[in-house]
C-alpha atoms as a PDB file:
ATOM      1  CA  MET A   1       0.000   0.000   0.000  1.00  0.00           C
ATOM      2  CA  LEU A   2       2.818   2.392   0.884  1.00  0.00           C
ATOM      3  CA  LEU A   3       4.509   1.747  -2.452  1.00  0.00           C
ATOM      4  CA  TYR A   4       1.345   2.729  -4.338  1.00  0.00           C
ATOM      5  CA  LEU A   5       1.085   5.907  -2.312  1.00  0.00           C
ATOM      6  CA  LEU A   6       4.687   6.852  -3.052  1.00  0.00           C
ATOM      7  CA  ILE A   7       4.209   6.173  -6.744  1.00  0.00           C
ATOM      8  CA  ALA A   8       1.042   8.284  -6.766  1.00  0.00           C
ATOM      9  CA  CYS A   9       2.849  11.176  -5.029  1.00  0.00           C
ATOM     10  CA  PHE A  10       5.707  10.940  -7.515  1.00  0.00           C
ATOM     11  CA  VAL A  11       3.349  10.996 -10.502  1.00  0.00           C
ATOM     12  CA  VAL A  12       1.373  13.960  -9.161  1.00  0.00           C
ATOM     13  CA  THR A  13       4.581  15.884  -8.441  1.00  0.00           C
ATOM     14  CA  PHE A  14       5.939  15.085 -11.902  1.00  0.00           C
ATOM     15  CA  ILE A  15       2.743  16.233 -13.634  1.00  0.00           C
ATOM     16  CA  LEU A  16       2.383  19.411 -11.548  1.00  0.00           C
ATOM     17  CA  THR A  17       6.010  20.345 -12.134  1.00  0.00           C
ATOM     18  CA  ALA A  18       5.578  19.964 -15.888  1.00  0.00           C
ATOM     19  CA  PHE A  19       2.377  22.022 -15.773  1.00  0.00           C
ATOM     20  CA  VAL A  20       3.946  24.819 -13.707  1.00  0.00           C
ATOM     21  CA  ARG A  21       7.010  24.846 -15.975  1.00  0.00           C
ATOM     22  CA  GLN A  22       4.857  25.321 -19.085  1.00  0.00           C
ATOM     23  CA  LEU A  23       2.823  28.007 -17.336  1.00  0.00           C
ATOM     24  CA  ALA A  24       5.991  29.873 -16.297  1.00  0.00           C
ATOM     25  CA  ILE A  25       7.298  29.775 -19.864  1.00  0.00           C
ATOM     26  CA  LYS A  26       3.935  30.937 -21.239  1.00  0.00           C
ATOM     27  CA  LYS A  27       3.656  33.809 -18.717  1.00  0.00           C
ATOM     28  CA  ASN A  28       7.363  34.672 -19.170  1.00  0.00           C
ATOM     29  CA  ILE A  29       8.199  34.091 -15.492  1.00  0.00           C
ATOM     30  CA  LEU A  30      11.816  33.247 -16.188  1.00  0.00           C
ATOM     31  CA  ASP A  31      15.060  33.637 -14.324  1.00  0.00           C
ATOM     32  CA  ASN A  32      17.413  35.255 -16.820  1.00  0.00           C
ATOM     33  CA  PRO A  33      21.054  34.368 -16.204  1.00  0.00           C
ATOM     34  CA  ASN A  34      23.654  36.951 -15.280  1.00  0.00           C
ATOM     35  CA  GLU A  35      27.401  36.740 -14.652  1.00  0.00           C
ATOM     36  CA  ARG A  36      26.867  35.019 -11.263  1.00  0.00           C
ATOM     37  CA  SER A  37      24.358  32.430 -12.495  1.00  0.00           C
ATOM     38  CA  SER A  38      25.176  28.778 -12.909  1.00  0.00           C
ATOM     39  CA  HIS A  39      22.902  28.436 -15.949  1.00  0.00           C
ATOM     40  CA  THR A  40      23.291  29.968 -19.391  1.00  0.00           C
ATOM     41  CA  VAL A  41      19.711  29.868 -20.688  1.00  0.00           C
ATOM     42  CA  PRO A  42      16.567  31.370 -19.128  1.00  0.00           C
ATOM     43  CA  THR A  43      15.046  28.966 -16.592  1.00  0.00           C
ATOM     44  CA  PRO A  44      11.506  29.004 -15.173  1.00  0.00           C
ATOM     45  CA  ARG A  45      11.367  30.312 -11.613  1.00  0.00           C
ATOM     46  CA  ASP A  46       9.692  28.426  -8.767  1.00  0.00           C
ATOM     47  CA  GLU A  47      10.039  25.031 -10.482  1.00  0.00           C
ATOM     48  CA  ILE A  48      12.254  23.722  -7.710  1.00  0.00           C
ATOM     49  CA  LYS A  49       9.677  24.764  -5.094  1.00  0.00           C
ATOM     50  CA  HIS A  50       7.171  22.349  -6.578  1.00  0.00           C
ATOM     51  CA  CYS A  51       9.689  19.506  -6.607  1.00  0.00           C
ATOM     52  CA  ILE A  52      10.581  20.163  -2.970  1.00  0.00           C
ATOM     53  CA  GLY A  53       6.905  20.504  -2.063  1.00  0.00           C
ATOM     54  CA  GLY A  54       6.082  17.186  -3.679  1.00  0.00           C
ATOM     55  CA  ALA A  55       8.982  15.477  -1.952  1.00  0.00           C
ATOM     56  CA  SER A  56       7.931  16.887   1.416  1.00  0.00           C
ATOM     57  CA  ILE A  57       4.401  15.569   0.866  1.00  0.00           C
ATOM     58  CA  ASP A  58       5.928  12.166   0.130  1.00  0.00           C
ATOM     59  CA  ILE A  59       7.917  12.263   3.358  1.00  0.00           C
ATOM     60  CA  PHE A  60       4.882  13.454   5.330  1.00  0.00           C
ATOM     61  CA  MET A  61       2.772  10.584   3.973  1.00  0.00           C
ATOM     62  CA  ILE A  62       5.391   8.001   4.946  1.00  0.00           C
ATOM     63  CA  GLU A  63       5.494   9.093   8.584  1.00  0.00           C
END
């Protein structure tokens, strides 16, 4: 049962991250690189927050 729950959380996180990424690109909510950035192309902002949020939900469900 726990395995199914973890898989479901992973799938939901994966889908929401893809959706938020497309929305950020569409709305032009991008982090443009500067001389201090580690990336060279514009990257959607807040994408990592959704990955961390999904992982924290996974951890919360386990305990």
